[in-house]
Amino acid sequence: MIVLFDDAIARNFEPFASSRPLGEVTAGAMLIRERWAHWFDASIDAVVSTPHLAHFTEFDAPPMATGLLRAGTWVVNSRALPALSFARSHRAHADTANTLRIGSDIAAIRLSEAIDAADLTNGVRSWNSLTASTVSGVTIEGVWLHHTWDIVRHLSAQLCDDIPFLAHLYDVSVCTSTAAPDHVHIVGDAPVYVEAHATIEPMTVFDTSAGPVLVRRGSTVQAFTRVVGPCYIGMNSTVTTDRIAASSIGDHCRVHGELSASVLIGHANKGHDGFVGHSILGRWVNLGAGTITSNLKNTYGTVSMWTPDGVRDTGLQFAGTFFGDHVKTGIGLKLTTGCVLGFGANVMDRMPPKAVAPLSWGSHAPYATFDAEKFIETASRMMARRQVSVTARHRRYIDSIIAHALSESRWPSR
């Protein structure tokens, strides 16, 4: 059995911790859960996270762990990101190990005795208490997420590592500059992988000077688009008519206009012009036409961002906006450098402050609170456009995260 565990640090990874376990956030070209599933070559059986996510439900996501976690269970820290290019060789050495380390820190531990999942969920048992008496075990390649913005920090390097792994896994052939269709132009030496049943329209340019590109099945790259690697385009997504660079675009997304060094978890719409750079878009985000992020300060200094523990210096010169799940923006909205928009926020007109609380609604701060029933109606309509229905279980999950968001006091007031 393999269980992903959100430790105390992961539970502060806003704006996403309000609505999803960290394992259901994209890092590199895939969800963190999928990364560990590939590493172990086995499915992830359950998740341990905060109580308000007990009813989390989304596609093939595993359930929350309940009852006893038996001895022999692997408990994996969701902030640890193993490098998949070394997975096969490292996995062979891990068969008899009790711990996996990335750097000097333990990333996964095989339980020596059964523990109650509720103790992990409620914080009675911490990650440190699990690892305090363990042996060194096996060291594997990978990186750690210490803050939400580390997803952006490591993005390009992870895409360069992930794309060849996934191309081999899905048996995707290479589209080289000499073997490309006449209507496709490739610049650079890194490979372009185009899965069967993907569509590449005429007048498309792939620039692989800085890394590879993978276009998954069912996706379309429309004419007059320049795709700059490293770049991953997930299944059934459409990118069109601008420069799409160094980004990870999840399944069922729409991207129009310039996108740079950004992550779209999936089912997100950036359907119009407007620059988005060094940003993360949660699931079911919709950006109004002309929404623009700033990702560089006029001083060229490092960017600070809001966290539940206060404003922190990211150490990054480039950092845009982190859009929580179900965020909506109005047309022409401008977003300041290092902005955080909480789950379900619906903001328009004037530039918002650097942090906007979940379920905020309106044209300027202070914001009103988005009515819960209206929010659910809006979410249901958007999800239906992607053939996803709000089930009774999904409604329990939404009700729970709404209640949590409205009671959370660490966000700035609306």
Protein backbone atom coordinates (compact mmCIF):
# COMPACT_ATOMS: atom_id res chain seq x y z
CA MET A 1 0.00 0.00 0.00
CA ILE A 2 1.24 3.52 -0.84
CA VAL A 3 -0.13 6.62 0.88
CA LEU A 4 0.67 10.25 0.08
CA PHE A 5 0.97 12.45 3.16
CA ASP A 6 0.57 16.24 3.31
CA ASP A 7 2.76 17.37 6.20
CA ALA A 8 2.32 20.67 8.06
CA ILE A 9 4.32 22.56 5.44
CA ALA A 10 2.31 21.13 2.53
CA ARG A 11 -0.93 22.15 4.25
CA ASN A 12 0.19 25.78 3.89
CA PHE A 13 0.66 25.61 0.10
CA GLU A 14 -1.98 28.19 -0.74
CA PRO A 15 -3.98 28.98 -2.75
CA PHE A 16 -4.25 25.24 -3.47
CA ALA A 17 -4.29 23.76 0.04
CA SER A 18 -7.77 25.24 0.51
CA SER A 19 -9.25 22.92 -2.09
CA ARG A 20 -6.96 19.99 -2.92
CA PRO A 21 -4.26 17.71 -1.51
CA LEU A 22 -0.77 18.64 -2.68
CA GLY A 23 -0.52 15.35 -4.56
CA GLU A 24 -3.27 16.63 -6.89
CA VAL A 25 -1.16 19.65 -7.90
CA THR A 26 1.01 19.53 -11.03
CA ALA A 27 4.79 19.69 -10.73
CA GLY A 28 6.66 19.33 -14.00
CA ALA A 29 4.55 17.47 -16.56
CA MET A 30 2.25 15.59 -14.16
CA LEU A 31 0.44 15.57 -10.86
CA ILE A 32 2.69 14.84 -7.88
CA ARG A 33 0.58 11.72 -7.23
CA GLU A 34 1.22 10.53 -10.77
CA ARG A 35 4.95 11.17 -10.34
CA TRP A 36 5.14 8.84 -7.34
CA ALA A 37 2.91 6.26 -9.04
CA HIS A 38 5.36 6.20 -11.97
CA TRP A 39 8.32 5.99 -9.61
CA PHE A 40 6.90 3.02 -7.69
CA ASP A 41 5.30 1.56 -10.84
CA ALA A 42 2.18 1.11 -8.72
CA SER A 43 -0.97 3.06 -7.97
CA ILE A 44 -1.28 5.41 -5.01
CA ASP A 45 -3.89 3.87 -2.74
CA ALA A 46 -4.84 6.74 -0.43
CA VAL A 47 -4.05 10.26 0.73
CA VAL A 48 -3.65 11.83 4.15
CA SER A 49 -4.38 15.55 4.26
CA THR A 50 -6.36 18.10 6.26
CA PRO A 51 -9.82 17.19 7.62
CA HIS A 52 -11.65 19.69 5.39
CA LEU A 53 -10.51 17.66 2.35
CA ALA A 54 -12.04 14.42 3.64
CA HIS A 55 -14.57 14.37 0.78
CA PHE A 56 -12.12 15.41 -1.95
CA THR A 57 -13.19 13.85 -5.23
CA GLU A 58 -11.74 14.42 -8.68
CA PHE A 59 -11.46 12.00 -11.60
CA ASP A 60 -9.10 9.14 -10.60
CA ALA A 61 -7.84 10.70 -7.37
CA PRO A 62 -7.48 8.15 -4.54
CA PRO A 63 -9.66 8.43 -1.42
CA MET A 64 -8.61 9.83 1.92
CA ALA A 65 -7.03 7.22 4.16
CA THR A 66 -9.14 5.94 7.04
CA GLY A 67 -8.58 3.37 9.75
CA LEU A 68 -5.26 1.69 10.37
CA LEU A 69 -2.35 1.97 7.99
CA ARG A 70 -0.82 -1.45 8.33
CA ALA A 71 2.86 -2.21 8.82
CA GLY A 72 4.70 -2.27 5.50
CA THR A 73 2.73 0.66 4.06
CA TRP A 74 4.81 3.25 2.25
CA VAL A 75 3.99 6.76 3.52
CA VAL A 76 5.31 9.34 1.05
CA ASN A 77 5.81 13.04 1.71
CA SER A 78 3.90 14.88 -1.04
CA ARG A 79 6.47 17.71 -1.08
CA ALA A 80 9.13 15.31 -2.35
CA LEU A 81 9.47 15.10 -6.14
CA PRO A 82 11.50 12.13 -7.41
CA ALA A 83 13.27 12.38 -10.75
CA LEU A 84 11.72 9.82 -13.07
CA SER A 85 14.75 9.38 -15.31
CA PHE A 86 16.36 7.39 -12.47
CA ALA A 87 13.20 5.60 -11.34
CA ARG A 88 13.95 2.12 -12.68
CA SER A 89 17.50 1.86 -11.32
CA HIS A 90 16.60 3.35 -7.94
CA ARG A 91 13.44 1.27 -7.57
CA ALA A 92 15.48 -1.92 -7.77
CA HIS A 93 17.53 -0.82 -4.75
CA ALA A 94 14.44 0.33 -2.84
CA ASP A 95 12.72 -3.06 -2.74
CA THR A 96 14.35 -3.95 0.57
CA ALA A 97 14.71 -0.40 1.94
CA ASN A 98 12.67 1.13 4.72
CA THR A 99 13.24 4.76 3.74
CA LEU A 100 13.81 6.80 0.60
CA ARG A 101 15.79 10.02 0.86
CA ILE A 102 16.03 12.99 -1.44
CA GLY A 103 19.12 14.87 -0.38
CA SER A 104 19.49 14.61 3.38
CA ASP A 105 15.73 14.39 4.10
CA ILE A 106 13.44 11.38 4.19
CA ALA A 107 10.93 11.44 1.33
CA ALA A 108 9.18 8.12 2.02
CA ILE A 109 9.07 5.65 4.89
CA ARG A 110 7.88 2.06 5.06
CA LEU A 111 5.92 1.72 8.30
CA SER A 112 7.35 -0.74 10.81
CA GLU A 113 4.09 -0.84 12.75
CA ALA A 114 0.46 0.04 12.09
CA ILE A 115 -0.69 3.59 12.79
CA ASP A 116 -4.08 5.27 12.75
CA ALA A 117 -4.60 7.43 9.67
CA ALA A 118 -6.72 9.79 11.77
CA ASP A 119 -3.64 10.67 13.85
CA LEU A 120 -1.91 11.86 10.69
CA THR A 121 -5.00 13.65 9.37
CA ASN A 122 -5.56 15.60 12.59
CA GLY A 123 -1.90 16.38 13.17
CA VAL A 124 -1.51 14.17 16.26
CA ARG A 125 1.33 12.42 14.45
CA SER A 126 3.72 14.57 12.38
CA TRP A 127 6.05 13.69 9.55
CA ASN A 128 9.00 14.20 11.89
CA SER A 129 7.55 11.75 14.40
CA LEU A 130 7.39 9.09 11.67
CA THR A 131 10.98 9.61 10.55
CA ALA A 132 12.75 10.34 13.84
CA SER A 133 14.07 6.81 14.44
CA THR A 134 14.47 5.55 10.88
CA VAL A 135 17.66 4.37 9.21
CA SER A 136 19.19 6.05 6.18
CA GLY A 137 17.80 3.68 3.54
CA VAL A 138 18.22 4.52 -0.14
CA THR A 139 18.98 7.96 -1.57
CA ILE A 140 17.16 8.82 -4.80
CA GLU A 141 17.38 11.75 -7.21
CA GLY A 142 14.82 14.53 -6.91
CA VAL A 143 13.94 17.88 -5.36
CA TRP A 144 11.82 19.19 -2.51
CA LEU A 145 9.04 21.76 -2.53
CA HIS A 146 9.49 24.12 0.40
CA HIS A 147 7.03 26.73 -0.86
CA THR A 148 4.30 26.85 -3.52
CA TRP A 149 6.54 28.91 -5.82
CA ASP A 150 9.11 26.11 -5.93
CA ILE A 151 6.78 24.51 -8.50
CA VAL A 152 7.72 27.38 -10.82
CA ARG A 153 11.35 27.36 -9.71
CA HIS A 154 11.87 23.74 -10.78
CA LEU A 155 9.51 23.71 -13.77
CA SER A 156 11.93 23.86 -16.71
CA ALA A 157 14.35 21.32 -15.29
CA GLN A 158 11.53 18.91 -14.45
CA LEU A 159 9.97 19.23 -17.89
CA CYS A 160 13.32 18.38 -19.49
CA ASP A 161 13.44 15.25 -17.32
CA ASP A 162 9.75 14.29 -17.51
CA ILE A 163 9.04 14.65 -21.23
CA PRO A 164 11.43 11.95 -22.52
CA PHE A 165 10.22 9.62 -19.74
CA LEU A 166 6.57 10.12 -20.68
CA ALA A 167 7.28 9.89 -24.41
CA HIS A 168 8.91 6.50 -23.85
CA LEU A 169 6.13 5.39 -21.48
CA TYR A 170 3.41 6.23 -24.01
CA ASP A 171 5.48 5.07 -27.00
CA VAL A 172 5.35 8.48 -28.70
CA SER A 173 7.58 8.79 -31.74
CA VAL A 174 9.97 11.66 -32.33
CA CYS A 175 9.07 14.29 -34.91
CA THR A 176 12.50 15.50 -36.08
CA SER A 177 13.35 18.58 -38.12
CA THR A 178 14.21 16.35 -41.09
CA ALA A 179 11.16 14.08 -40.77
CA ALA A 180 8.55 16.69 -39.82
CA PRO A 181 5.54 17.27 -42.05
CA ASP A 182 6.07 19.99 -44.64
CA HIS A 183 3.76 22.39 -42.81
CA VAL A 184 5.65 22.12 -39.46
CA HIS A 185 8.94 23.85 -38.78
CA ILE A 186 11.30 22.72 -35.99
CA VAL A 187 14.12 24.87 -34.64
CA GLY A 188 16.63 23.35 -32.22
CA ASP A 189 18.08 19.94 -31.46
CA ALA A 190 15.86 18.61 -28.65
CA PRO A 191 13.05 16.27 -29.74
CA VAL A 192 9.43 17.05 -30.49
CA TYR A 193 7.08 14.22 -29.52
CA VAL A 194 3.60 14.23 -31.04
CA GLU A 195 1.29 11.46 -29.87
CA ALA A 196 -1.07 9.78 -32.33
CA HIS A 197 -4.40 11.58 -32.73
CA ALA A 198 -2.89 14.98 -31.89
CA THR A 199 -3.34 17.69 -34.52
CA ILE A 200 -0.57 20.07 -35.59
CA GLU A 201 -1.93 22.66 -37.99
CA PRO A 202 0.07 24.36 -40.78
CA MET A 203 2.36 27.26 -39.92
CA THR A 204 3.28 25.86 -36.49
CA VAL A 205 6.83 26.37 -35.18
CA PHE A 206 8.44 24.22 -32.49
CA ASP A 207 11.55 25.77 -30.90
CA THR A 208 13.41 23.10 -28.97
CA SER A 209 16.62 25.05 -28.46
CA ALA A 210 16.11 24.93 -24.66
CA GLY A 211 14.30 21.61 -24.29
CA PRO A 212 11.86 19.03 -25.69
CA VAL A 213 8.14 19.30 -26.46
CA LEU A 214 5.43 16.68 -25.98
CA VAL A 215 1.93 17.04 -27.44
CA ARG A 216 -0.50 14.42 -26.12
CA ARG A 217 -3.34 12.73 -27.98
CA GLY A 218 -6.51 14.66 -28.69
CA SER A 219 -4.74 18.02 -28.45
CA THR A 220 -4.46 20.64 -31.17
CA VAL A 221 -1.71 23.17 -31.86
CA GLN A 222 -3.38 25.69 -34.11
CA ALA A 223 -1.79 27.63 -36.95
CA PHE A 224 0.60 30.50 -36.24
CA THR A 225 1.60 29.17 -32.81
CA ARG A 226 5.21 29.03 -31.64
CA VAL A 227 5.73 26.32 -29.01
CA VAL A 228 9.01 26.80 -27.15
CA GLY A 229 10.44 23.90 -25.18
CA PRO A 230 10.60 22.53 -22.68
CA CYS A 231 6.82 22.36 -23.00
CA TYR A 232 4.16 19.76 -22.22
CA ILE A 233 0.65 19.92 -23.73
CA GLY A 234 -1.74 17.45 -22.10
CA MET A 235 -4.61 15.50 -23.63
CA ASN A 236 -7.53 17.21 -25.36
CA SER A 237 -6.09 20.71 -24.98
CA THR A 238 -5.84 23.48 -27.55
CA VAL A 239 -3.08 26.08 -27.84
CA THR A 240 -3.27 28.82 -30.40
CA THR A 241 -1.85 31.91 -32.01
CA ASP A 242 1.04 33.10 -29.89
CA ARG A 243 4.21 32.05 -28.07
CA ILE A 244 3.69 29.17 -25.62
CA ALA A 245 6.98 28.68 -23.78
CA ALA A 246 8.44 26.48 -21.04
CA SER A 247 5.02 25.57 -19.65
CA SER A 248 3.07 22.56 -18.45
CA ILE A 249 -0.49 22.55 -19.78
CA GLY A 250 -2.78 19.93 -18.30
CA ASP A 251 -5.65 18.04 -19.89
CA HIS A 252 -8.72 19.82 -21.33
CA CYS A 253 -7.21 23.33 -21.31
CA ARG A 254 -7.57 26.24 -23.73
CA VAL A 255 -4.60 28.58 -24.17
CA HIS A 256 -4.66 31.64 -26.41
CA GLY A 257 -2.18 34.47 -26.09
CA GLU A 258 1.31 34.45 -24.64
CA LEU A 259 2.07 31.89 -21.92
CA SER A 260 5.49 31.56 -20.32
CA ALA A 261 6.93 29.31 -17.60
CA SER A 262 3.50 28.50 -16.19
CA VAL A 263 1.55 25.47 -14.96
CA LEU A 264 -2.10 24.72 -15.74
CA ILE A 265 -3.28 21.84 -13.56
CA GLY A 266 -6.12 21.08 -15.97
CA HIS A 267 -9.60 22.10 -17.20
CA ALA A 268 -8.54 25.76 -17.23
CA ASN A 269 -9.38 28.42 -19.82
CA LYS A 270 -7.07 31.15 -21.00
CA GLY A 271 -9.09 31.63 -24.13
CA HIS A 272 -8.04 35.15 -25.13
CA ASP A 273 -5.11 37.51 -25.51
CA GLY A 274 -3.14 38.57 -22.45
CA PHE A 275 0.29 37.63 -21.08
CA VAL A 276 0.49 35.04 -18.29
CA GLY A 277 3.96 34.24 -17.01
CA HIS A 278 5.52 32.28 -14.13
CA SER A 279 2.06 31.52 -12.83
CA ILE A 280 0.03 28.50 -11.67
CA LEU A 281 -3.60 28.03 -12.69
CA GLY A 282 -5.71 25.69 -10.60
CA ARG A 283 -8.44 23.52 -12.02
CA TRP A 284 -11.56 25.19 -13.46
CA VAL A 285 -9.91 28.64 -13.67
CA ASN A 286 -11.27 30.99 -16.34
CA LEU A 287 -9.35 34.13 -17.32
CA GLY A 288 -11.38 36.92 -18.88
CA ALA A 289 -10.17 38.42 -22.16
CA GLY A 290 -7.12 40.59 -21.68
CA THR A 291 -6.23 39.32 -18.20
CA ILE A 292 -2.54 40.12 -17.77
CA THR A 293 -0.07 39.05 -15.09
CA SER A 294 3.07 40.93 -14.13
CA ASN A 295 5.94 38.54 -13.46
CA LEU A 296 8.84 41.01 -13.09
CA LYS A 297 9.19 44.00 -10.79
CA ASN A 298 10.27 47.35 -12.20
CA THR A 299 13.23 47.18 -9.80
CA TYR A 300 14.27 43.78 -11.20
CA GLY A 301 14.47 42.58 -7.60
CA THR A 302 13.16 39.35 -6.14
CA VAL A 303 9.41 38.95 -5.77
CA SER A 304 7.60 38.60 -2.44
CA MET A 305 4.37 36.63 -2.09
CA TRP A 306 1.70 36.19 0.56
CA THR A 307 1.65 32.92 2.51
CA PRO A 308 -0.46 31.85 5.50
CA ASP A 309 2.65 32.56 7.62
CA GLY A 310 3.08 36.08 6.27
CA VAL A 311 4.68 37.69 3.22
CA ARG A 312 7.86 35.91 2.14
CA ASP A 313 10.63 36.70 -0.32
CA THR A 314 10.49 33.98 -3.01
CA GLY A 315 14.09 34.52 -4.07
CA LEU A 316 12.76 34.51 -7.63
CA GLN A 317 13.17 37.40 -10.03
CA PHE A 318 10.17 36.14 -12.00
CA ALA A 319 6.90 35.24 -10.26
CA GLY A 320 3.41 35.92 -11.58
CA THR A 321 0.01 34.97 -10.14
CA PHE A 322 -1.15 31.81 -8.41
CA PHE A 323 -4.81 31.24 -9.28
CA GLY A 324 -6.66 28.93 -6.90
CA ASP A 325 -9.23 26.42 -8.16
CA HIS A 326 -12.37 27.94 -9.70
CA VAL A 327 -10.93 31.48 -9.81
CA LYS A 328 -12.54 33.76 -12.41
CA THR A 329 -11.18 37.08 -13.66
CA GLY A 330 -12.96 39.87 -15.51
CA ILE A 331 -11.94 41.27 -18.88
CA GLY A 332 -8.86 43.46 -18.93
CA LEU A 333 -7.86 42.60 -15.36
CA LYS A 334 -4.26 43.45 -14.50
CA LEU A 335 -2.54 41.44 -11.77
CA THR A 336 0.46 42.65 -9.82
CA THR A 337 3.73 40.76 -9.49
CA GLY A 338 3.49 37.89 -7.02
CA CYS A 339 -0.31 37.85 -6.66
CA VAL A 340 -2.26 35.09 -4.89
CA LEU A 341 -5.97 34.62 -5.67
CA GLY A 342 -7.75 32.29 -3.28
CA PHE A 343 -10.06 29.42 -4.19
CA GLY A 344 -13.29 30.53 -5.87
CA ALA A 345 -12.43 34.23 -6.04
CA ASN A 346 -14.24 36.15 -8.78
CA VAL A 347 -12.49 39.49 -9.33
CA MET A 348 -12.85 42.10 -12.02
CA ASP A 349 -12.23 45.74 -13.02
CA ARG A 350 -9.50 47.17 -10.74
CA MET A 351 -6.12 45.60 -9.97
CA PRO A 352 -6.55 43.41 -6.87
CA PRO A 353 -4.19 43.52 -3.89
CA LYS A 354 -1.38 40.97 -3.75
CA ALA A 355 -3.53 38.48 -1.83
CA VAL A 356 -7.26 37.94 -2.28
CA ALA A 357 -9.16 35.70 0.12
CA PRO A 358 -11.10 32.67 -1.13
CA LEU A 359 -14.63 33.30 -2.39
CA SER A 360 -14.07 37.04 -2.73
CA TRP A 361 -16.35 38.68 -5.29
CA GLY A 362 -16.39 42.14 -6.82
CA SER A 363 -14.66 44.90 -8.73
CA HIS A 364 -12.36 46.17 -5.99
CA ALA A 365 -11.25 45.60 -2.42
CA PRO A 366 -12.85 45.31 0.05
CA TYR A 367 -14.70 42.49 -1.69
CA ALA A 368 -18.07 40.95 -1.03
CA THR A 369 -18.32 37.22 -0.32
CA PHE A 370 -19.34 35.04 -3.25
CA ASP A 371 -22.69 33.49 -2.31
CA ALA A 372 -22.15 29.75 -1.85
CA GLU A 373 -25.14 28.66 -3.90
CA LYS A 374 -24.27 31.01 -6.75
CA PHE A 375 -20.70 29.74 -6.66
CA ILE A 376 -21.89 26.14 -6.95
CA GLU A 377 -24.24 27.06 -9.82
CA THR A 378 -21.37 28.73 -11.67
CA ALA A 379 -19.02 25.82 -11.03
CA SER A 380 -21.64 23.33 -12.19
CA ARG A 381 -22.19 25.19 -15.46
CA MET A 382 -18.48 25.44 -16.22
CA MET A 383 -17.83 21.80 -15.37
CA ALA A 384 -20.75 20.68 -17.54
CA ARG A 385 -19.02 22.31 -20.52
CA ARG A 386 -16.31 19.67 -20.04
CA GLN A 387 -18.85 16.88 -19.51
CA VAL A 388 -18.20 16.75 -15.76
CA SER A 389 -21.21 16.58 -13.44
CA VAL A 390 -21.41 17.67 -9.81
CA THR A 391 -22.39 14.49 -7.99
CA ALA A 392 -23.69 14.23 -4.43
CA ARG A 393 -20.17 13.32 -3.29
CA HIS A 394 -18.73 16.27 -5.18
CA ARG A 395 -21.29 18.55 -3.54
CA ARG A 396 -20.20 17.34 -0.07
CA TYR A 397 -16.61 18.12 -1.01
CA ILE A 398 -17.49 21.62 -2.28
CA ASP A 399 -19.61 22.36 0.79
CA SER A 400 -16.71 21.32 3.02
CA ILE A 401 -14.09 23.47 1.32
CA ILE A 402 -16.46 26.46 1.19
CA ALA A 403 -17.06 26.17 4.94
CA HIS A 404 -13.32 25.93 5.52
CA ALA A 405 -12.55 28.89 3.26
CA LEU A 406 -15.10 31.11 5.00
CA SER A 407 -13.72 30.22 8.43
CA GLU A 408 -10.04 30.58 7.52
CA SER A 409 -8.68 33.66 9.32
CA ARG A 410 -5.12 33.77 7.98
CA TRP A 411 -6.08 35.32 4.65
CA PRO A 412 -6.30 39.11 4.38
CA SER A 413 -9.80 40.37 5.07
CA ARG A 414 -12.05 40.86 2.05
